[in-house]
Amino acid sequence: MHALIDWIVQTVSSLGYLGIFVMMFLESSFFPFPSEVVMIPAGYLSYKGEMNLWFSIAAGIAGSIAGALFNYYLAVKLGRRLLLKYGHYVFFTQETLDKVESFF
């Protein structure tokens, strides 16, 4: 377990703020990646003085927002069309979409 923690800390340390941004972008988009894997080592490295705490927080926030906006863009451009085209494979029909839209 100790080796894994050291590897994560070294990865965040070597990638720097851009690595925090990219990993938080992945976490906020469709790729299942936990943000705890990124921000806890960033906080630890900030505590040790190897990273700036405020830059780490800003990179994490910017990455999360960018990932959420990317998801929103995909949903706006492809969402309805994709659901209607491939939804029948997971038992999602036009009627289901109409019910969901009327509910929300």
PDB file of N, CA and C in Angstrom:
ATOM      1  N   MET A   1       0.828  -1.187   0.000  1.00  0.00           N
ATOM      2  CA  MET A   1       0.000   0.000   0.000  1.00  0.00           C
ATOM      3  C   MET A   1       0.876   1.256   0.000  1.00  0.00           C
ATOM      4  N   HIS A   2       1.942   1.214   0.765  1.00  0.00           N
ATOM      5  CA  HIS A   2       2.848   2.357   0.848  1.00  0.00           C
ATOM      6  C   HIS A   2       3.463   2.679  -0.503  1.00  0.00           C
ATOM      7  N   ALA A   3       3.787   1.656  -1.273  1.00  0.00           N
ATOM      8  CA  ALA A   3       4.372   1.866  -2.603  1.00  0.00           C
ATOM      9  C   ALA A   3       3.367   2.542  -3.540  1.00  0.00           C
ATOM     10  N   LEU A   4       2.103   2.148  -3.442  1.00  0.00           N
ATOM     11  CA  LEU A   4       1.064   2.747  -4.278  1.00  0.00           C
ATOM     12  C   LEU A   4       0.883   4.226  -3.941  1.00  0.00           C
ATOM     13  N   ILE A   5       0.864   4.545  -2.664  1.00  0.00           N
ATOM     14  CA  ILE A   5       0.711   5.943  -2.242  1.00  0.00           C
ATOM     15  C   ILE A   5       1.896   6.764  -2.726  1.00  0.00           C
ATOM     16  N   ASP A   6       3.106   6.218  -2.589  1.00  0.00           N
ATOM     17  CA  ASP A   6       4.291   6.919  -3.077  1.00  0.00           C
ATOM     18  C   ASP A   6       4.229   7.148  -4.583  1.00  0.00           C
ATOM     19  N   TRP A   7       3.735   6.151  -5.317  1.00  0.00           N
ATOM     20  CA  TRP A   7       3.621   6.291  -6.775  1.00  0.00           C
ATOM     21  C   TRP A   7       2.646   7.409  -7.150  1.00  0.00           C
ATOM     22  N   ILE A   8       1.508   7.456  -6.459  1.00  0.00           N
ATOM     23  CA  ILE A   8       0.513   8.493  -6.746  1.00  0.00           C
ATOM     24  C   ILE A   8       1.079   9.878  -6.447  1.00  0.00           C
ATOM     25  N   VAL A   9       1.745  10.019  -5.303  1.00  0.00           N
ATOM     26  CA  VAL A   9       2.326  11.306  -4.938  1.00  0.00           C
ATOM     27  C   VAL A   9       3.393  11.713  -5.955  1.00  0.00           C
ATOM     28  N   GLN A  10       4.238  10.773  -6.367  1.00  0.00           N
ATOM     29  CA  GLN A  10       5.274  11.079  -7.351  1.00  0.00           C
ATOM     30  C   GLN A  10       4.675  11.457  -8.708  1.00  0.00           C
ATOM     31  N   THR A  11       3.584  10.786  -9.080  1.00  0.00           N
ATOM     32  CA  THR A  11       2.925  11.104 -10.354  1.00  0.00           C
ATOM     33  C   THR A  11       2.371  12.518 -10.339  1.00  0.00           C
ATOM     34  N   VAL A  12       1.668  12.876  -9.279  1.00  0.00           N
ATOM     35  CA  VAL A  12       1.116  14.229  -9.179  1.00  0.00           C
ATOM     36  C   VAL A  12       2.251  15.249  -9.127  1.00  0.00           C
ATOM     37  N   SER A  13       3.314  14.918  -8.413  1.00  0.00           N
ATOM     38  CA  SER A  13       4.455  15.822  -8.310  1.00  0.00           C
ATOM     39  C   SER A  13       5.132  16.028  -9.662  1.00  0.00           C
ATOM     40  N   SER A  14       5.298  14.961 -10.419  1.00  0.00           N
ATOM     41  CA  SER A  14       5.999  15.087 -11.708  1.00  0.00           C
ATOM     42  C   SER A  14       5.141  15.764 -12.770  1.00  0.00           C
ATOM     43  N   LEU A  15       3.839  15.546 -12.739  1.00  0.00           N
ATOM     44  CA  LEU A  15       2.964  16.169 -13.736  1.00  0.00           C
ATOM     45  C   LEU A  15       2.643  17.623 -13.404  1.00  0.00           C
ATOM     46  N   GLY A  16       2.699  17.974 -12.147  1.00  0.00           N
ATOM     47  CA  GLY A  16       2.484  19.354 -11.733  1.00  0.00           C
ATOM     48  C   GLY A  16       1.046  19.807 -11.881  1.00  0.00           C
ATOM     49  N   TYR A  17       0.889  21.106 -12.067  1.00  0.00           N
ATOM     50  CA  TYR A  17      -0.443  21.702 -12.125  1.00  0.00           C
ATOM     51  C   TYR A  17      -1.209  21.270 -13.377  1.00  0.00           C
ATOM     52  N   LEU A  18      -0.487  21.077 -14.469  1.00  0.00           N
ATOM     53  CA  LEU A  18      -1.150  20.600 -15.683  1.00  0.00           C
ATOM     54  C   LEU A  18      -1.703  19.191 -15.457  1.00  0.00           C
ATOM     55  N   GLY A  19      -0.967  18.361 -14.743  1.00  0.00           N
ATOM     56  CA  GLY A  19      -1.449  17.020 -14.414  1.00  0.00           C
ATOM     57  C   GLY A  19      -2.691  17.059 -13.546  1.00  0.00           C
ATOM     58  N   ILE A  20      -2.720  17.987 -12.585  1.00  0.00           N
ATOM     59  CA  ILE A  20      -3.914  18.150 -11.751  1.00  0.00           C
ATOM     60  C   ILE A  20      -5.095  18.550 -12.620  1.00  0.00           C
ATOM     61  N   PHE A  21      -4.869  19.507 -13.519  1.00  0.00           N
ATOM     62  CA  PHE A  21      -5.940  19.954 -14.415  1.00  0.00           C
ATOM     63  C   PHE A  21      -6.463  18.793 -15.256  1.00  0.00           C
ATOM     64  N   VAL A  22      -5.568  18.037 -15.880  1.00  0.00           N
ATOM     65  CA  VAL A  22      -5.985  16.942 -16.773  1.00  0.00           C
ATOM     66  C   VAL A  22      -6.713  15.856 -15.996  1.00  0.00           C
ATOM     67  N   MET A  23      -6.191  15.480 -14.835  1.00  0.00           N
ATOM     68  CA  MET A  23      -6.842  14.415 -14.064  1.00  0.00           C
ATOM     69  C   MET A  23      -8.191  14.855 -13.514  1.00  0.00           C
ATOM     70  N   MET A  24      -8.328  16.123 -13.131  1.00  0.00           N
ATOM     71  CA  MET A  24      -9.622  16.618 -12.673  1.00  0.00           C
ATOM     72  C   MET A  24     -10.593  16.762 -13.842  1.00  0.00           C
ATOM     73  N   PHE A  25     -10.077  17.094 -15.024  1.00  0.00           N
ATOM     74  CA  PHE A  25     -10.903  17.118 -16.226  1.00  0.00           C
ATOM     75  C   PHE A  25     -11.485  15.728 -16.478  1.00  0.00           C
ATOM     76  N   LEU A  26     -10.636  14.715 -16.382  1.00  0.00           N
ATOM     77  CA  LEU A  26     -11.102  13.338 -16.577  1.00  0.00           C
ATOM     78  C   LEU A  26     -12.141  12.957 -15.534  1.00  0.00           C
ATOM     79  N   GLU A  27     -11.919  13.374 -14.303  1.00  0.00           N
ATOM     80  CA  GLU A  27     -12.844  13.035 -13.220  1.00  0.00           C
ATOM     81  C   GLU A  27     -14.213  13.656 -13.459  1.00  0.00           C
ATOM     82  N   SER A  28     -14.250  14.863 -14.007  1.00  0.00           N
ATOM     83  CA  SER A  28     -15.528  15.547 -14.217  1.00  0.00           C
ATOM     84  C   SER A  28     -16.192  15.181 -15.534  1.00  0.00           C
ATOM     85  N   SER A  29     -15.471  14.538 -16.405  1.00  0.00           N
ATOM     86  CA  SER A  29     -16.085  14.116 -17.659  1.00  0.00           C
ATOM     87  C   SER A  29     -16.580  12.682 -17.497  1.00  0.00           C
ATOM     88  N   PHE A  30     -16.694  11.960 -18.559  1.00  0.00           N
ATOM     89  CA  PHE A  30     -17.309  10.634 -18.524  1.00  0.00           C
ATOM     90  C   PHE A  30     -16.363   9.530 -18.065  1.00  0.00           C
ATOM     91  N   PHE A  31     -15.080   9.806 -17.929  1.00  0.00           N
ATOM     92  CA  PHE A  31     -14.104   8.800 -17.523  1.00  0.00           C
ATOM     93  C   PHE A  31     -14.143   8.641 -16.007  1.00  0.00           C
ATOM     94  N   PRO A  32     -14.384   7.441 -15.487  1.00  0.00           N
ATOM     95  CA  PRO A  32     -14.486   7.270 -14.028  1.00  0.00           C
ATOM     96  C   PRO A  32     -13.111   7.326 -13.365  1.00  0.00           C
ATOM     97  N   PHE A  33     -12.758   8.472 -12.836  1.00  0.00           N
ATOM     98  CA  PHE A  33     -11.472   8.685 -12.196  1.00  0.00           C
ATOM     99  C   PHE A  33     -11.715   9.495 -10.927  1.00  0.00           C
ATOM    100  N   PRO A  34     -11.427   8.960  -9.755  1.00  0.00           N
ATOM    101  CA  PRO A  34     -11.759   9.677  -8.515  1.00  0.00           C
ATOM    102  C   PRO A  34     -10.850  10.882  -8.269  1.00  0.00           C
ATOM    103  N   SER A  35     -11.450  11.983  -7.884  1.00  0.00           N
ATOM    104  CA  SER A  35     -10.670  13.202  -7.648  1.00  0.00           C
ATOM    105  C   SER A  35      -9.804  13.087  -6.398  1.00  0.00           C
ATOM    106  N   GLU A  36     -10.155  12.197  -5.503  1.00  0.00           N
ATOM    107  CA  GLU A  36      -9.358  12.016  -4.292  1.00  0.00           C
ATOM    108  C   GLU A  36      -7.947  11.543  -4.622  1.00  0.00           C
ATOM    109  N   VAL A  37      -7.817  10.831  -5.732  1.00  0.00           N
ATOM    110  CA  VAL A  37      -6.504  10.341  -6.153  1.00  0.00           C
ATOM    111  C   VAL A  37      -5.597  11.507  -6.529  1.00  0.00           C
ATOM    112  N   VAL A  38      -6.180  12.621  -6.914  1.00  0.00           N
ATOM    113  CA  VAL A  38      -5.408  13.775  -7.376  1.00  0.00           C
ATOM    114  C   VAL A  38      -5.223  14.812  -6.272  1.00  0.00           C
ATOM    115  N   MET A  39      -6.298  15.214  -5.654  1.00  0.00           N
ATOM    116  CA  MET A  39      -6.242  16.381  -4.775  1.00  0.00           C
ATOM    117  C   MET A  39      -5.597  16.092  -3.421  1.00  0.00           C
ATOM    118  N   ILE A  40      -5.709  14.888  -2.918  1.00  0.00           N
ATOM    119  CA  ILE A  40      -5.058  14.586  -1.638  1.00  0.00           C
ATOM    120  C   ILE A  40      -3.542  14.632  -1.782  1.00  0.00           C
ATOM    121  N   PRO A  41      -2.948  13.989  -2.810  1.00  0.00           N
ATOM    122  CA  PRO A  41      -1.494  14.161  -2.974  1.00  0.00           C
ATOM    123  C   PRO A  41      -1.093  15.606  -3.270  1.00  0.00           C
ATOM    124  N   ALA A  42      -1.932  16.351  -3.988  1.00  0.00           N
ATOM    125  CA  ALA A  42      -1.627  17.763  -4.244  1.00  0.00           C
ATOM    126  C   ALA A  42      -1.610  18.544  -2.937  1.00  0.00           C
ATOM    127  N   GLY A  43      -2.534  18.252  -2.050  1.00  0.00           N
ATOM    128  CA  GLY A  43      -2.537  18.896  -0.736  1.00  0.00           C
ATOM    129  C   GLY A  43      -1.320  18.517   0.087  1.00  0.00           C
ATOM    130  N   TYR A  44      -0.934  17.263   0.014  1.00  0.00           N
ATOM    131  CA  TYR A  44       0.258  16.799   0.732  1.00  0.00           C
ATOM    132  C   TYR A  44       1.513  17.488   0.195  1.00  0.00           C
ATOM    133  N   LEU A  45       1.620  17.576  -1.120  1.00  0.00           N
ATOM    134  CA  LEU A  45       2.784  18.237  -1.721  1.00  0.00           C
ATOM    135  C   LEU A  45       2.784  19.737  -1.419  1.00  0.00           C
ATOM    136  N   SER A  46       1.615  20.332  -1.286  1.00  0.00           N
ATOM    137  CA  SER A  46       1.533  21.739  -0.892  1.00  0.00           C
ATOM    138  C   SER A  46       1.993  21.908   0.552  1.00  0.00           C
ATOM    139  N   TYR A  47       1.608  20.964   1.387  1.00  0.00           N
ATOM    140  CA  TYR A  47       2.039  20.992   2.786  1.00  0.00           C
ATOM    141  C   TYR A  47       3.556  20.898   2.893  1.00  0.00           C
ATOM    142  N   LYS A  48       4.157  20.068   2.046  1.00  0.00           N
ATOM    143  CA  LYS A  48       5.613  19.909   2.066  1.00  0.00           C
ATOM    144  C   LYS A  48       6.333  21.088   1.414  1.00  0.00           C
ATOM    145  N   GLY A  49       5.610  21.962   0.737  1.00  0.00           N
ATOM    146  CA  GLY A  49       6.209  23.117   0.106  1.00  0.00           C
ATOM    147  C   GLY A  49       6.660  22.869  -1.328  1.00  0.00           C
ATOM    148  N   GLU A  50       6.304  21.718  -1.892  1.00  0.00           N
ATOM    149  CA  GLU A  50       6.701  21.399  -3.260  1.00  0.00           C
ATOM    150  C   GLU A  50       5.737  21.959  -4.300  1.00  0.00           C
ATOM    151  N   MET A  51       4.524  22.299  -3.875  1.00  0.00           N
ATOM    152  CA  MET A  51       3.533  22.904  -4.758  1.00  0.00           C
ATOM    153  C   MET A  51       2.868  24.048  -4.000  1.00  0.00           C
ATOM    154  N   ASN A  52       2.313  24.972  -4.749  1.00  0.00           N
ATOM    155  CA  ASN A  52       1.565  26.068  -4.166  1.00  0.00           C
ATOM    156  C   ASN A  52       0.126  25.612  -3.963  1.00  0.00           C
ATOM    157  N   LEU A  53      -0.382  25.793  -2.745  1.00  0.00           N
ATOM    158  CA  LEU A  53      -1.731  25.335  -2.419  1.00  0.00           C
ATOM    159  C   LEU A  53      -2.779  26.006  -3.301  1.00  0.00           C
ATOM    160  N   TRP A  54      -2.667  27.312  -3.500  1.00  0.00           N
ATOM    161  CA  TRP A  54      -3.683  28.040  -4.257  1.00  0.00           C
ATOM    162  C   TRP A  54      -3.661  27.686  -5.742  1.00  0.00           C
ATOM    163  N   PHE A  55      -2.465  27.445  -6.293  1.00  0.00           N
ATOM    164  CA  PHE A  55      -2.378  27.008  -7.688  1.00  0.00           C
ATOM    165  C   PHE A  55      -2.942  25.599  -7.852  1.00  0.00           C
ATOM    166  N   SER A  56      -2.725  24.754  -6.835  1.00  0.00           N
ATOM    167  CA  SER A  56      -3.277  23.394  -6.877  1.00  0.00           C
ATOM    168  C   SER A  56      -4.805  23.429  -6.866  1.00  0.00           C
ATOM    169  N   ILE A  57      -5.349  24.272  -5.984  1.00  0.00           N
ATOM    170  CA  ILE A  57      -6.807  24.407  -5.903  1.00  0.00           C
ATOM    171  C   ILE A  57      -7.355  24.975  -7.206  1.00  0.00           C
ATOM    172  N   ALA A  58      -6.685  26.004  -7.739  1.00  0.00           N
ATOM    173  CA  ALA A  58      -7.147  26.623  -8.992  1.00  0.00           C
ATOM    174  C   ALA A  58      -7.084  25.627 -10.148  1.00  0.00           C
ATOM    175  N   ALA A  59      -6.032  24.830 -10.220  1.00  0.00           N
ATOM    176  CA  ALA A  59      -5.918  23.833 -11.289  1.00  0.00           C
ATOM    177  C   ALA A  59      -7.005  22.771 -11.146  1.00  0.00           C
ATOM    178  N   GLY A  60      -7.309  22.367  -9.914  1.00  0.00           N
ATOM    179  CA  GLY A  60      -8.370  21.394  -9.691  1.00  0.00           C
ATOM    180  C   GLY A  60      -9.743  21.928 -10.064  1.00  0.00           C
ATOM    181  N   ILE A  61     -10.016  23.163  -9.666  1.00  0.00           N
ATOM    182  CA  ILE A  61     -11.304  23.783 -10.007  1.00  0.00           C
ATOM    183  C   ILE A  61     -11.434  23.963 -11.513  1.00  0.00           C
ATOM    184  N   ALA A  62     -10.373  24.467 -12.143  1.00  0.00           N
ATOM    185  CA  ALA A  62     -10.415  24.682 -13.593  1.00  0.00           C
ATOM    186  C   ALA A  62     -10.605  23.368 -14.342  1.00  0.00           C
ATOM    187  N   GLY A  63      -9.935  22.318 -13.905  1.00  0.00           N
ATOM    188  CA  GLY A  63     -10.099  21.014 -14.547  1.00  0.00           C
ATOM    189  C   GLY A  63     -11.506  20.459 -14.376  1.00  0.00           C
ATOM    190  N   SER A  64     -12.067  20.626 -13.179  1.00  0.00           N
ATOM    191  CA  SER A  64     -13.439  20.148 -12.935  1.00  0.00           C
ATOM    192  C   SER A  64     -14.453  20.903 -13.789  1.00  0.00           C
ATOM    193  N   ILE A  65     -14.303  22.209 -13.855  1.00  0.00           N
ATOM    194  CA  ILE A  65     -15.227  23.010 -14.659  1.00  0.00           C
ATOM    195  C   ILE A  65     -15.085  22.672 -16.138  1.00  0.00           C
ATOM    196  N   ALA A  66     -13.844  22.522 -16.607  1.00  0.00           N
ATOM    197  CA  ALA A  66     -13.628  22.191 -18.022  1.00  0.00           C
ATOM    198  C   ALA A  66     -14.226  20.825 -18.359  1.00  0.00           C
ATOM    199  N   GLY A  67     -14.087  19.856 -17.471  1.00  0.00           N
ATOM    200  CA  GLY A  67     -14.676  18.537 -17.710  1.00  0.00           C
ATOM    201  C   GLY A  67     -16.194  18.579 -17.732  1.00  0.00           C
ATOM    202  N   ALA A  68     -16.777  19.353 -16.821  1.00  0.00           N
ATOM    203  CA  ALA A  68     -18.238  19.489 -16.797  1.00  0.00           C
ATOM    204  C   ALA A  68     -18.743  20.196 -18.056  1.00  0.00           C
ATOM    205  N   LEU A  69     -18.035  21.232 -18.497  1.00  0.00           N
ATOM    206  CA  LEU A  69     -18.433  21.937 -19.719  1.00  0.00           C
ATOM    207  C   LEU A  69     -18.291  21.047 -20.955  1.00  0.00           C
ATOM    208  N   PHE A  70     -17.273  20.200 -20.958  1.00  0.00           N
ATOM    209  CA  PHE A  70     -17.105  19.243 -22.055  1.00  0.00           C
ATOM    210  C   PHE A  70     -18.281  18.275 -22.105  1.00  0.00           C
ATOM    211  N   ASN A  71     -18.698  17.763 -20.953  1.00  0.00           N
ATOM    212  CA  ASN A  71     -19.876  16.887 -20.892  1.00  0.00           C
ATOM    213  C   ASN A  71     -21.124  17.612 -21.361  1.00  0.00           C
ATOM    214  N   TYR A  72     -21.281  18.850 -20.933  1.00  0.00           N
ATOM    215  CA  TYR A  72     -22.448  19.636 -21.336  1.00  0.00           C
ATOM    216  C   TYR A  72     -22.459  19.834 -22.848  1.00  0.00           C
ATOM    217  N   TYR A  73     -21.311  20.163 -23.425  1.00  0.00           N
ATOM    218  CA  TYR A  73     -21.207  20.354 -24.867  1.00  0.00           C
ATOM    219  C   TYR A  73     -21.580  19.067 -25.614  1.00  0.00           C
ATOM    220  N   LEU A  74     -21.062  17.931 -25.147  1.00  0.00           N
ATOM    221  CA  LEU A  74     -21.408  16.658 -25.791  1.00  0.00           C
ATOM    222  C   LEU A  74     -22.905  16.374 -25.692  1.00  0.00           C
ATOM    223  N   ALA A  75     -23.484  16.661 -24.539  1.00  0.00           N
ATOM    224  CA  ALA A  75     -24.913  16.408 -24.362  1.00  0.00           C
ATOM    225  C   ALA A  75     -25.754  17.301 -25.263  1.00  0.00           C
ATOM    226  N   VAL A  76     -25.364  18.566 -25.396  1.00  0.00           N
ATOM    227  CA  VAL A  76     -26.117  19.490 -26.242  1.00  0.00           C
ATOM    228  C   VAL A  76     -26.020  19.084 -27.710  1.00  0.00           C
ATOM    229  N   LYS A  77     -24.817  18.738 -28.158  1.00  0.00           N
ATOM    230  CA  LYS A  77     -24.600  18.437 -29.572  1.00  0.00           C
ATOM    231  C   LYS A  77     -25.031  17.030 -29.965  1.00  0.00           C
ATOM    232  N   LEU A  78     -24.862  16.049 -29.078  1.00  0.00           N
ATOM    233  CA  LEU A  78     -25.114  14.659 -29.457  1.00  0.00           C
ATOM    234  C   LEU A  78     -26.196  13.962 -28.650  1.00  0.00           C
ATOM    235  N   GLY A  79     -26.565  14.507 -27.507  1.00  0.00           N
ATOM    236  CA  GLY A  79     -27.393  13.811 -26.531  1.00  0.00           C
ATOM    237  C   GLY A  79     -28.681  13.210 -27.045  1.00  0.00           C
ATOM    238  N   ARG A  80     -29.604  14.029 -27.496  1.00  0.00           N
ATOM    239  CA  ARG A  80     -30.919  13.544 -27.920  1.00  0.00           C
ATOM    240  C   ARG A  80     -30.810  12.622 -29.124  1.00  0.00           C
ATOM    241  N   ARG A  81     -30.006  13.043 -30.099  1.00  0.00           N
ATOM    242  CA  ARG A  81     -29.844  12.244 -31.310  1.00  0.00           C
ATOM    243  C   ARG A  81     -29.245  10.870 -30.980  1.00  0.00           C
ATOM    244  N   LEU A  82     -28.249  10.859 -30.105  1.00  0.00           N
ATOM    245  CA  LEU A  82     -27.595   9.608 -29.729  1.00  0.00           C
ATOM    246  C   LEU A  82     -28.539   8.702 -28.940  1.00  0.00           C
ATOM    247  N   LEU A  83     -29.295   9.297 -28.027  1.00  0.00           N
ATOM    248  CA  LEU A  83     -30.253   8.509 -27.252  1.00  0.00           C
ATOM    249  C   LEU A  83     -31.316   7.871 -28.139  1.00  0.00           C
ATOM    250  N   LEU A  84     -31.829   8.623 -29.082  1.00  0.00           N
ATOM    251  CA  LEU A  84     -32.874   8.079 -29.948  1.00  0.00           C
ATOM    252  C   LEU A  84     -32.323   7.047 -30.923  1.00  0.00           C
ATOM    253  N   LYS A  85     -31.073   7.200 -31.332  1.00  0.00           N
ATOM    254  CA  LYS A  85     -30.497   6.269 -32.298  1.00  0.00           C
ATOM    255  C   LYS A  85     -30.089   4.945 -31.648  1.00  0.00           C
ATOM    256  N   TYR A  86     -29.452   5.019 -30.478  1.00  0.00           N
ATOM    257  CA  TYR A  86     -28.911   3.807 -29.855  1.00  0.00           C
ATOM    258  C   TYR A  86     -29.608   3.418 -28.559  1.00  0.00           C
ATOM    259  N   GLY A  87     -30.578   4.173 -28.125  1.00  0.00           N
ATOM    260  CA  GLY A  87     -31.256   3.896 -26.866  1.00  0.00           C
ATOM    261  C   GLY A  87     -32.031   2.593 -26.845  1.00  0.00           C
ATOM    262  N   HIS A  88     -32.465   2.147 -28.003  1.00  0.00           N
ATOM    263  CA  HIS A  88     -33.262   0.907 -28.031  1.00  0.00           C
ATOM    264  C   HIS A  88     -32.438  -0.301 -27.593  1.00  0.00           C
ATOM    265  N   TYR A  89     -31.100  -0.191 -27.628  1.00  0.00           N
ATOM    266  CA  TYR A  89     -30.255  -1.300 -27.166  1.00  0.00           C
ATOM    267  C   TYR A  89     -30.325  -1.470 -25.648  1.00  0.00           C
ATOM    268  N   VAL A  90     -30.690  -0.408 -24.949  1.00  0.00           N
ATOM    269  CA  VAL A  90     -30.821  -0.473 -23.493  1.00  0.00           C
ATOM    270  C   VAL A  90     -32.263  -0.156 -23.072  1.00  0.00           C
ATOM    271  N   PHE A  91     -33.207  -0.470 -23.963  1.00  0.00           N
ATOM    272  CA  PHE A  91     -34.642  -0.332 -23.701  1.00  0.00           C
ATOM    273  C   PHE A  91     -35.049   1.112 -23.413  1.00  0.00           C
ATOM    274  N   PHE A  92     -34.433   2.061 -24.114  1.00  0.00           N
ATOM    275  CA  PHE A  92     -34.759   3.473 -23.987  1.00  0.00           C
ATOM    276  C   PHE A  92     -35.447   3.904 -25.269  1.00  0.00           C
ATOM    277  N   THR A  93     -36.729   4.259 -25.180  1.00  0.00           N
ATOM    278  CA  THR A  93     -37.522   4.571 -26.365  1.00  0.00           C
ATOM    279  C   THR A  93     -37.875   6.064 -26.405  1.00  0.00           C
ATOM    280  N   GLN A  94     -38.502   6.463 -27.481  1.00  0.00           N
ATOM    281  CA  GLN A  94     -38.991   7.842 -27.629  1.00  0.00           C
ATOM    282  C   GLN A  94     -39.984   8.165 -26.525  1.00  0.00           C
ATOM    283  N   GLU A  95     -40.833   7.213 -26.183  1.00  0.00           N
ATOM    284  CA  GLU A  95     -41.816   7.435 -25.125  1.00  0.00           C
ATOM    285  C   GLU A  95     -41.137   7.676 -23.782  1.00  0.00           C
ATOM    286  N   THR A  96     -40.079   6.928 -23.516  1.00  0.00           N
ATOM    287  CA  THR A  96     -39.328   7.116 -22.274  1.00  0.00           C
ATOM    288  C   THR A  96     -38.709   8.503 -22.238  1.00  0.00           C
ATOM    289  N   LEU A  97     -38.154   8.932 -23.358  1.00  0.00           N
ATOM    290  CA  LEU A  97     -37.562  10.264 -23.425  1.00  0.00           C
ATOM    291  C   LEU A  97     -38.626  11.340 -23.214  1.00  0.00           C
ATOM    292  N   ASP A  98     -39.797  11.145 -23.784  1.00  0.00           N
ATOM    293  CA  ASP A  98     -40.888  12.108 -23.580  1.00  0.00           C
ATOM    294  C   ASP A  98     -41.294  12.183 -22.116  1.00  0.00           C
ATOM    295  N   LYS A  99     -41.358  11.041 -21.441  1.00  0.00           N
ATOM    296  CA  LYS A  99     -41.704  11.022 -20.019  1.00  0.00           C
ATOM    297  C   LYS A  99     -40.641  11.731 -19.179  1.00  0.00           C
ATOM    298  N   VAL A 100     -39.380  11.474 -19.490  1.00  0.00           N
ATOM    299  CA  VAL A 100     -38.283  12.106 -18.760  1.00  0.00           C
ATOM    300  C   VAL A 100     -38.314  13.622 -18.971  1.00  0.00           C
ATOM    301  N   GLU A 101     -38.510  14.046 -20.203  1.00  0.00           N
ATOM    302  CA  GLU A 101     -38.565  15.481 -20.492  1.00  0.00           C
ATOM    303  C   GLU A 101     -39.750  16.157 -19.816  1.00  0.00           C
ATOM    304  N   SER A 102     -40.892  15.494 -19.771  1.00  0.00           N
ATOM    305  CA  SER A 102     -42.053  16.115 -19.118  1.00  0.00           C
ATOM    306  C   SER A 102     -41.844  16.158 -17.596  1.00  0.00           C
ATOM    307  N   PHE A 103     -41.144  15.173 -17.051  1.00  0.00           N
ATOM    308  CA  PHE A 103     -40.878  15.166 -15.615  1.00  0.00           C
ATOM    309  C   PHE A 103     -39.945  16.311 -15.226  1.00  0.00           C
ATOM    310  N   PHE A 104     -38.912  16.514 -16.027  1.00  0.00           N
ATOM    311  CA  PHE A 104     -37.938  17.553 -15.701  1.00  0.00           C
ATOM    312  C   PHE A 104     -38.312  18.882 -16.328  1.00  0.00           C
TER     313      PHE A 104
END
